[in-house]
Amino acid sequence: MSRTQILDRAVGSAMSALSAAAKRGLGDPALAELVVIRASQLNHCAFCLDMHLTIAREHGVSEKQLDLLAAWEEAGDVFDERERAALALTEAITVLTEGFVPDEVYDRAAEHFDEGRLAHLIGLVVAINNWNRVMVSRRIPPGGYTP
């Protein structure tokens, strides 16, 4: 398989289905895009950043939020508490430097998301991390996404 052939069709379809189900279940397309962009920043996935920045704009995410996403913790009231909780959980799941998601990060997210939405948020973070790893390992350049 060449680097340009991204995935086997069955694997790609399964990953796409997971991503779509997680986004639908989260029920907030703008927040979903903030989450996948933040994970893609952490994973240095240029293809996913290019794609999801375009989608985020389509869903009305503000340029200010997109500009300050990498520094969301220091961005004052640009992000609300629910968004902050989702972004903290995204970072904890994506980086896993301690080998686990800290209880306080999980509990903070659980305050803002019911059990079902929290499960979908976690699924979304897992899904984008899968995509980031595929695209980065295959060195897929940005620019290939067409809305």
N, C-alpha and C. Protein backbone atom coordinates (compact mmCIF):
# COMPACT_ATOMS: atom_id res chain seq x y z
N MET A 1 0.86 -1.18 0.00
CA MET A 1 0.00 0.00 0.00
C MET A 1 0.90 1.23 0.00
N SER A 2 0.63 2.14 -0.89
CA SER A 2 1.42 3.36 -0.96
C SER A 2 0.95 4.34 0.12
N ARG A 3 1.78 5.34 0.38
CA ARG A 3 1.40 6.36 1.37
C ARG A 3 0.15 7.12 0.94
N THR A 4 -0.09 7.22 -0.35
CA THR A 4 -1.24 7.99 -0.81
C THR A 4 -2.55 7.21 -0.68
N GLN A 5 -2.46 5.88 -0.62
CA GLN A 5 -3.67 5.10 -0.36
C GLN A 5 -3.86 5.10 1.14
N ILE A 6 -4.81 5.87 1.61
CA ILE A 6 -4.93 6.18 3.03
C ILE A 6 -5.27 4.96 3.85
N LEU A 7 -6.35 4.26 3.53
CA LEU A 7 -6.82 3.12 4.31
C LEU A 7 -7.51 2.12 3.43
N ASP A 8 -7.57 0.91 3.89
CA ASP A 8 -8.43 -0.09 3.30
C ASP A 8 -9.87 0.44 3.39
N ARG A 9 -10.67 0.17 2.39
CA ARG A 9 -12.04 0.71 2.33
C ARG A 9 -12.86 0.35 3.57
N ALA A 10 -12.77 -0.88 4.03
CA ALA A 10 -13.57 -1.31 5.19
C ALA A 10 -13.15 -0.57 6.46
N VAL A 11 -11.85 -0.40 6.65
CA VAL A 11 -11.37 0.31 7.83
C VAL A 11 -11.76 1.79 7.75
N GLY A 12 -11.58 2.40 6.60
CA GLY A 12 -11.94 3.80 6.42
C GLY A 12 -13.44 4.03 6.64
N SER A 13 -14.26 3.12 6.14
CA SER A 13 -15.71 3.24 6.34
C SER A 13 -16.07 3.12 7.82
N ALA A 14 -15.43 2.21 8.53
CA ALA A 14 -15.71 2.05 9.96
C ALA A 14 -15.28 3.29 10.74
N MET A 15 -14.12 3.84 10.40
CA MET A 15 -13.66 5.05 11.08
C MET A 15 -14.58 6.23 10.78
N SER A 16 -15.02 6.34 9.54
CA SER A 16 -15.94 7.42 9.17
C SER A 16 -17.27 7.28 9.91
N ALA A 17 -17.75 6.05 10.04
CA ALA A 17 -19.01 5.82 10.75
C ALA A 17 -18.88 6.20 12.22
N LEU A 18 -17.75 5.86 12.84
CA LEU A 18 -17.53 6.23 14.24
C LEU A 18 -17.52 7.75 14.39
N SER A 19 -16.80 8.43 13.53
CA SER A 19 -16.74 9.88 13.58
C SER A 19 -18.12 10.51 13.44
N ALA A 20 -18.87 10.06 12.47
CA ALA A 20 -20.20 10.62 12.21
C ALA A 20 -21.14 10.35 13.38
N ALA A 21 -21.12 9.14 13.91
CA ALA A 21 -22.00 8.80 15.04
C ALA A 21 -21.66 9.63 16.27
N ALA A 22 -20.37 9.80 16.53
CA ALA A 22 -19.95 10.58 17.70
C ALA A 22 -20.37 12.04 17.55
N LYS A 23 -20.20 12.60 16.37
CA LYS A 23 -20.61 13.99 16.14
C LYS A 23 -22.11 14.16 16.29
N ARG A 24 -22.88 13.26 15.69
CA ARG A 24 -24.34 13.33 15.80
C ARG A 24 -24.77 13.22 17.26
N GLY A 25 -24.20 12.29 17.98
CA GLY A 25 -24.58 12.06 19.37
C GLY A 25 -24.19 13.19 20.29
N LEU A 26 -23.12 13.90 19.95
CA LEU A 26 -22.72 15.05 20.76
C LEU A 26 -23.75 16.16 20.60
N GLY A 27 -24.30 16.30 19.42
CA GLY A 27 -25.40 17.23 19.20
C GLY A 27 -25.02 18.69 19.11
N ASP A 28 -23.76 18.99 18.96
CA ASP A 28 -23.31 20.38 18.87
C ASP A 28 -22.18 20.44 17.84
N PRO A 29 -22.52 20.69 16.57
CA PRO A 29 -21.50 20.64 15.51
C PRO A 29 -20.34 21.61 15.72
N ALA A 30 -20.61 22.80 16.25
CA ALA A 30 -19.53 23.77 16.47
C ALA A 30 -18.56 23.25 17.53
N LEU A 31 -19.09 22.73 18.63
CA LEU A 31 -18.23 22.18 19.67
C LEU A 31 -17.45 20.98 19.15
N ALA A 32 -18.11 20.15 18.37
CA ALA A 32 -17.42 18.99 17.79
C ALA A 32 -16.20 19.43 16.99
N GLU A 33 -16.34 20.50 16.22
CA GLU A 33 -15.21 20.97 15.42
C GLU A 33 -14.11 21.55 16.29
N LEU A 34 -14.47 22.26 17.36
CA LEU A 34 -13.43 22.74 18.28
C LEU A 34 -12.64 21.57 18.86
N VAL A 35 -13.33 20.52 19.21
CA VAL A 35 -12.69 19.34 19.79
C VAL A 35 -11.74 18.69 18.79
N VAL A 36 -12.20 18.46 17.56
CA VAL A 36 -11.34 17.77 16.60
C VAL A 36 -10.18 18.65 16.15
N ILE A 37 -10.40 19.95 16.10
CA ILE A 37 -9.29 20.85 15.76
C ILE A 37 -8.24 20.83 16.86
N ARG A 38 -8.67 20.88 18.11
CA ARG A 38 -7.69 20.89 19.21
C ARG A 38 -6.87 19.60 19.22
N ALA A 39 -7.52 18.47 19.06
CA ALA A 39 -6.77 17.21 19.00
C ALA A 39 -5.81 17.21 17.81
N SER A 40 -6.27 17.72 16.68
CA SER A 40 -5.42 17.75 15.48
C SER A 40 -4.24 18.69 15.66
N GLN A 41 -4.42 19.78 16.42
CA GLN A 41 -3.28 20.66 16.74
C GLN A 41 -2.26 19.89 17.56
N LEU A 42 -2.72 19.20 18.57
CA LEU A 42 -1.81 18.44 19.44
C LEU A 42 -1.07 17.35 18.69
N ASN A 43 -1.74 16.76 17.70
CA ASN A 43 -1.15 15.66 16.93
C ASN A 43 -0.44 16.13 15.66
N HIS A 44 -0.42 17.44 15.42
CA HIS A 44 0.28 18.02 14.26
C HIS A 44 -0.22 17.46 12.94
N CYS A 45 -1.54 17.32 12.82
CA CYS A 45 -2.12 16.78 11.60
C CYS A 45 -2.61 17.92 10.71
N ALA A 46 -1.79 18.29 9.74
CA ALA A 46 -2.10 19.42 8.87
C ALA A 46 -3.34 19.14 8.02
N PHE A 47 -3.49 17.93 7.52
CA PHE A 47 -4.65 17.61 6.70
C PHE A 47 -5.94 17.81 7.51
N CYS A 48 -5.98 17.25 8.72
CA CYS A 48 -7.19 17.34 9.55
C CYS A 48 -7.45 18.78 9.98
N LEU A 49 -6.39 19.54 10.26
CA LEU A 49 -6.57 20.95 10.61
C LEU A 49 -7.19 21.71 9.45
N ASP A 50 -6.65 21.53 8.27
CA ASP A 50 -7.16 22.22 7.09
C ASP A 50 -8.64 21.87 6.88
N MET A 51 -8.96 20.61 6.96
CA MET A 51 -10.32 20.15 6.74
C MET A 51 -11.28 20.69 7.81
N HIS A 52 -10.92 20.52 9.08
CA HIS A 52 -11.85 20.87 10.15
C HIS A 52 -11.93 22.36 10.42
N LEU A 53 -10.92 23.12 10.07
CA LEU A 53 -11.05 24.57 10.15
C LEU A 53 -12.09 25.06 9.14
N THR A 54 -12.10 24.47 7.97
CA THR A 54 -13.11 24.80 6.96
C THR A 54 -14.50 24.45 7.47
N ILE A 55 -14.65 23.25 8.01
CA ILE A 55 -15.95 22.80 8.51
C ILE A 55 -16.40 23.67 9.69
N ALA A 56 -15.47 24.01 10.57
CA ALA A 56 -15.81 24.84 11.73
C ALA A 56 -16.39 26.17 11.29
N ARG A 57 -15.80 26.77 10.30
CA ARG A 57 -16.31 28.04 9.79
C ARG A 57 -17.72 27.87 9.22
N GLU A 58 -17.95 26.75 8.55
CA GLU A 58 -19.28 26.46 8.01
C GLU A 58 -20.32 26.34 9.13
N HIS A 59 -19.89 25.89 10.30
CA HIS A 59 -20.78 25.73 11.45
C HIS A 59 -20.83 26.97 12.33
N GLY A 60 -20.21 28.06 11.89
CA GLY A 60 -20.31 29.32 12.60
C GLY A 60 -19.35 29.51 13.76
N VAL A 61 -18.32 28.69 13.86
CA VAL A 61 -17.32 28.90 14.90
C VAL A 61 -16.60 30.21 14.57
N SER A 62 -16.44 31.07 15.56
CA SER A 62 -15.87 32.39 15.33
C SER A 62 -14.37 32.30 15.02
N GLU A 63 -13.91 33.28 14.25
CA GLU A 63 -12.48 33.37 13.96
C GLU A 63 -11.69 33.56 15.25
N LYS A 64 -12.25 34.29 16.19
CA LYS A 64 -11.57 34.51 17.47
C LYS A 64 -11.34 33.18 18.18
N GLN A 65 -12.35 32.32 18.22
CA GLN A 65 -12.18 31.01 18.85
C GLN A 65 -11.13 30.19 18.10
N LEU A 66 -11.19 30.22 16.79
CA LEU A 66 -10.22 29.45 16.01
C LEU A 66 -8.81 29.98 16.21
N ASP A 67 -8.68 31.30 16.28
CA ASP A 67 -7.37 31.91 16.49
C ASP A 67 -6.78 31.57 17.85
N LEU A 68 -7.63 31.47 18.87
CA LEU A 68 -7.16 31.29 20.24
C LEU A 68 -7.28 29.86 20.76
N LEU A 69 -7.70 28.95 19.93
CA LEU A 69 -7.94 27.57 20.37
C LEU A 69 -6.70 26.92 20.98
N ALA A 70 -5.54 27.16 20.42
CA ALA A 70 -4.32 26.55 20.95
C ALA A 70 -3.99 27.05 22.36
N ALA A 71 -4.54 28.20 22.73
CA ALA A 71 -4.32 28.78 24.07
C ALA A 71 -5.65 28.97 24.79
N TRP A 72 -6.57 28.02 24.63
CA TRP A 72 -7.93 28.16 25.17
C TRP A 72 -7.95 28.41 26.67
N GLU A 73 -7.02 27.83 27.40
CA GLU A 73 -7.01 28.00 28.87
C GLU A 73 -6.72 29.45 29.27
N GLU A 74 -6.03 30.19 28.42
CA GLU A 74 -5.65 31.57 28.71
C GLU A 74 -6.50 32.59 27.96
N ALA A 75 -7.56 32.12 27.30
CA ALA A 75 -8.31 32.98 26.38
C ALA A 75 -9.49 33.70 27.04
N GLY A 76 -9.52 33.75 28.35
CA GLY A 76 -10.60 34.47 29.02
C GLY A 76 -11.95 33.92 28.68
N ASP A 77 -12.90 34.79 28.37
CA ASP A 77 -14.27 34.36 28.14
C ASP A 77 -14.55 34.02 26.67
N VAL A 78 -13.51 33.79 25.89
CA VAL A 78 -13.70 33.40 24.49
C VAL A 78 -14.37 32.03 24.41
N PHE A 79 -14.08 31.17 25.40
CA PHE A 79 -14.68 29.84 25.48
C PHE A 79 -15.50 29.76 26.75
N ASP A 80 -16.71 29.19 26.65
CA ASP A 80 -17.54 29.06 27.84
C ASP A 80 -17.09 27.83 28.65
N GLU A 81 -17.69 27.64 29.80
CA GLU A 81 -17.28 26.55 30.69
C GLU A 81 -17.49 25.17 30.08
N ARG A 82 -18.55 25.01 29.33
CA ARG A 82 -18.81 23.73 28.67
C ARG A 82 -17.72 23.45 27.63
N GLU A 83 -17.38 24.45 26.83
CA GLU A 83 -16.32 24.28 25.84
C GLU A 83 -14.98 24.00 26.52
N ARG A 84 -14.71 24.69 27.61
CA ARG A 84 -13.46 24.47 28.34
C ARG A 84 -13.37 23.05 28.88
N ALA A 85 -14.49 22.55 29.41
CA ALA A 85 -14.51 21.19 29.93
C ALA A 85 -14.25 20.18 28.80
N ALA A 86 -14.87 20.41 27.65
CA ALA A 86 -14.68 19.51 26.50
C ALA A 86 -13.23 19.56 26.00
N LEU A 87 -12.67 20.75 25.96
CA LEU A 87 -11.28 20.89 25.48
C LEU A 87 -10.29 20.28 26.47
N ALA A 88 -10.54 20.42 27.76
CA ALA A 88 -9.67 19.80 28.76
C ALA A 88 -9.70 18.28 28.62
N LEU A 89 -10.89 17.73 28.44
CA LEU A 89 -11.01 16.28 28.26
C LEU A 89 -10.33 15.84 26.97
N THR A 90 -10.50 16.62 25.92
CA THR A 90 -9.85 16.32 24.64
C THR A 90 -8.34 16.22 24.81
N GLU A 91 -7.76 17.20 25.49
CA GLU A 91 -6.31 17.19 25.71
C GLU A 91 -5.88 16.00 26.57
N ALA A 92 -6.64 15.71 27.61
CA ALA A 92 -6.28 14.60 28.50
C ALA A 92 -6.31 13.26 27.76
N ILE A 93 -7.31 13.06 26.93
CA ILE A 93 -7.41 11.81 26.17
C ILE A 93 -6.34 11.75 25.08
N THR A 94 -6.08 12.87 24.43
CA THR A 94 -5.14 12.90 23.31
C THR A 94 -3.70 12.70 23.77
N VAL A 95 -3.33 13.34 24.86
CA VAL A 95 -1.93 13.31 25.29
C VAL A 95 -1.63 12.13 26.21
N LEU A 96 -2.47 11.85 27.17
CA LEU A 96 -2.30 10.73 28.10
C LEU A 96 -0.89 10.63 28.69
N THR A 97 -0.30 11.75 29.03
CA THR A 97 1.06 11.73 29.57
C THR A 97 1.14 11.04 30.92
N GLU A 98 0.07 11.06 31.68
CA GLU A 98 0.07 10.40 32.98
C GLU A 98 -0.42 8.95 32.87
N GLY A 99 -0.78 8.53 31.68
CA GLY A 99 -1.26 7.18 31.48
C GLY A 99 -2.75 7.02 31.76
N PHE A 100 -3.43 8.11 32.10
CA PHE A 100 -4.86 8.06 32.37
C PHE A 100 -5.42 9.46 32.26
N VAL A 101 -6.74 9.55 32.21
CA VAL A 101 -7.41 10.85 32.24
C VAL A 101 -7.63 11.20 33.70
N PRO A 102 -7.12 12.33 34.17
CA PRO A 102 -7.30 12.70 35.57
C PRO A 102 -8.78 12.78 35.96
N ASP A 103 -9.09 12.31 37.16
CA ASP A 103 -10.48 12.31 37.63
C ASP A 103 -11.10 13.70 37.57
N GLU A 104 -10.34 14.73 37.94
CA GLU A 104 -10.90 16.08 37.96
C GLU A 104 -11.28 16.56 36.56
N VAL A 105 -10.53 16.13 35.55
CA VAL A 105 -10.85 16.50 34.17
C VAL A 105 -12.12 15.79 33.72
N TYR A 106 -12.20 14.50 34.02
CA TYR A 106 -13.39 13.73 33.66
C TYR A 106 -14.62 14.28 34.40
N ASP A 107 -14.48 14.51 35.70
CA ASP A 107 -15.60 15.02 36.50
C ASP A 107 -16.07 16.38 36.01
N ARG A 108 -15.13 17.22 35.61
CA ARG A 108 -15.49 18.55 35.08
C ARG A 108 -16.34 18.40 33.82
N ALA A 109 -15.94 17.50 32.94
CA ALA A 109 -16.72 17.27 31.72
C ALA A 109 -18.09 16.68 32.06
N ALA A 110 -18.13 15.78 33.03
CA ALA A 110 -19.40 15.14 33.42
C ALA A 110 -20.39 16.15 34.00
N GLU A 111 -19.90 17.27 34.50
CA GLU A 111 -20.79 18.32 34.99
C GLU A 111 -21.53 19.03 33.85
N HIS A 112 -20.96 18.99 32.66
CA HIS A 112 -21.51 19.74 31.52
C HIS A 112 -22.18 18.86 30.47
N PHE A 113 -21.97 17.57 30.54
CA PHE A 113 -22.51 16.65 29.54
C PHE A 113 -23.19 15.49 30.25
N ASP A 114 -24.40 15.15 29.81
CA ASP A 114 -25.04 13.97 30.39
C ASP A 114 -24.26 12.74 29.94
N GLU A 115 -24.62 11.59 30.47
CA GLU A 115 -23.85 10.37 30.22
C GLU A 115 -23.73 10.04 28.74
N GLY A 116 -24.82 10.19 28.01
CA GLY A 116 -24.80 9.89 26.58
C GLY A 116 -23.93 10.85 25.79
N ARG A 117 -24.07 12.14 26.05
CA ARG A 117 -23.26 13.14 25.34
C ARG A 117 -21.78 13.00 25.71
N LEU A 118 -21.51 12.67 26.97
CA LEU A 118 -20.12 12.46 27.39
C LEU A 118 -19.51 11.27 26.65
N ALA A 119 -20.29 10.21 26.50
CA ALA A 119 -19.80 9.04 25.75
C ALA A 119 -19.51 9.42 24.30
N HIS A 120 -20.37 10.24 23.71
CA HIS A 120 -20.14 10.67 22.33
C HIS A 120 -18.93 11.61 22.22
N LEU A 121 -18.75 12.46 23.21
CA LEU A 121 -17.57 13.33 23.23
C LEU A 121 -16.30 12.50 23.28
N ILE A 122 -16.26 11.51 24.15
CA ILE A 122 -15.09 10.63 24.24
C ILE A 122 -14.90 9.89 22.93
N GLY A 123 -15.99 9.40 22.35
CA GLY A 123 -15.90 8.71 21.07
C GLY A 123 -15.35 9.60 19.97
N LEU A 124 -15.75 10.86 19.98
CA LEU A 124 -15.25 11.82 18.99
C LEU A 124 -13.75 12.05 19.15
N VAL A 125 -13.29 12.19 20.37
CA VAL A 125 -11.86 12.40 20.61
C VAL A 125 -11.07 11.16 20.17
N VAL A 126 -11.59 9.99 20.47
CA VAL A 126 -10.94 8.75 20.03
C VAL A 126 -10.91 8.69 18.50
N ALA A 127 -12.02 9.04 17.86
CA ALA A 127 -12.10 8.98 16.40
C ALA A 127 -11.10 9.93 15.74
N ILE A 128 -11.04 11.18 16.20
CA ILE A 128 -10.12 12.12 15.54
C ILE A 128 -8.67 11.73 15.81
N ASN A 129 -8.38 11.19 16.97
CA ASN A 129 -7.02 10.72 17.22
C ASN A 129 -6.66 9.59 16.26
N ASN A 130 -7.61 8.71 15.96
CA ASN A 130 -7.36 7.67 14.96
C ASN A 130 -7.06 8.29 13.60
N TRP A 131 -7.92 9.23 13.18
CA TRP A 131 -7.70 9.88 11.88
C TRP A 131 -6.36 10.62 11.85
N ASN A 132 -6.04 11.35 12.92
CA ASN A 132 -4.77 12.08 12.97
C ASN A 132 -3.60 11.12 12.77
N ARG A 133 -3.63 10.01 13.44
CA ARG A 133 -2.52 9.07 13.36
C ARG A 133 -2.40 8.45 11.97
N VAL A 134 -3.53 8.18 11.33
CA VAL A 134 -3.49 7.67 9.96
C VAL A 134 -2.91 8.72 9.02
N MET A 135 -3.44 9.93 9.08
CA MET A 135 -3.03 10.96 8.14
C MET A 135 -1.57 11.38 8.34
N VAL A 136 -1.14 11.47 9.60
CA VAL A 136 0.24 11.84 9.88
C VAL A 136 1.19 10.71 9.45
N SER A 137 0.83 9.47 9.75
CA SER A 137 1.72 8.36 9.38
C SER A 137 1.83 8.20 7.87
N ARG A 138 0.78 8.55 7.15
CA ARG A 138 0.80 8.49 5.69
C ARG A 138 1.32 9.78 5.05
N ARG A 139 1.56 10.80 5.90
CA ARG A 139 2.04 12.10 5.44
C ARG A 139 1.12 12.71 4.37
N ILE A 140 -0.18 12.66 4.66
CA ILE A 140 -1.17 13.21 3.73
C ILE A 140 -1.16 14.73 3.92
N PRO A 141 -0.84 15.47 2.88
CA PRO A 141 -0.74 16.93 2.99
C PRO A 141 -2.10 17.60 3.05
N PRO A 142 -2.14 18.82 3.58
CA PRO A 142 -3.40 19.56 3.57
C PRO A 142 -3.81 19.91 2.15
N GLY A 143 -5.07 20.26 2.01
CA GLY A 143 -5.55 20.72 0.72
C GLY A 143 -6.40 19.74 -0.02
N GLY A 144 -6.51 18.52 0.45
CA GLY A 144 -7.27 17.51 -0.27
C GLY A 144 -8.75 17.48 0.06
N TYR A 145 -9.15 18.23 1.10
CA TYR A 145 -10.57 18.22 1.48
C TYR A 145 -11.34 19.21 0.64
N THR A 146 -12.49 18.74 0.10
CA THR A 146 -13.39 19.61 -0.64
C THR A 146 -14.76 19.50 0.02
N PRO A 147 -15.31 20.62 0.49
CA PRO A 147 -16.62 20.58 1.14
C PRO A 147 -17.70 20.08 0.20
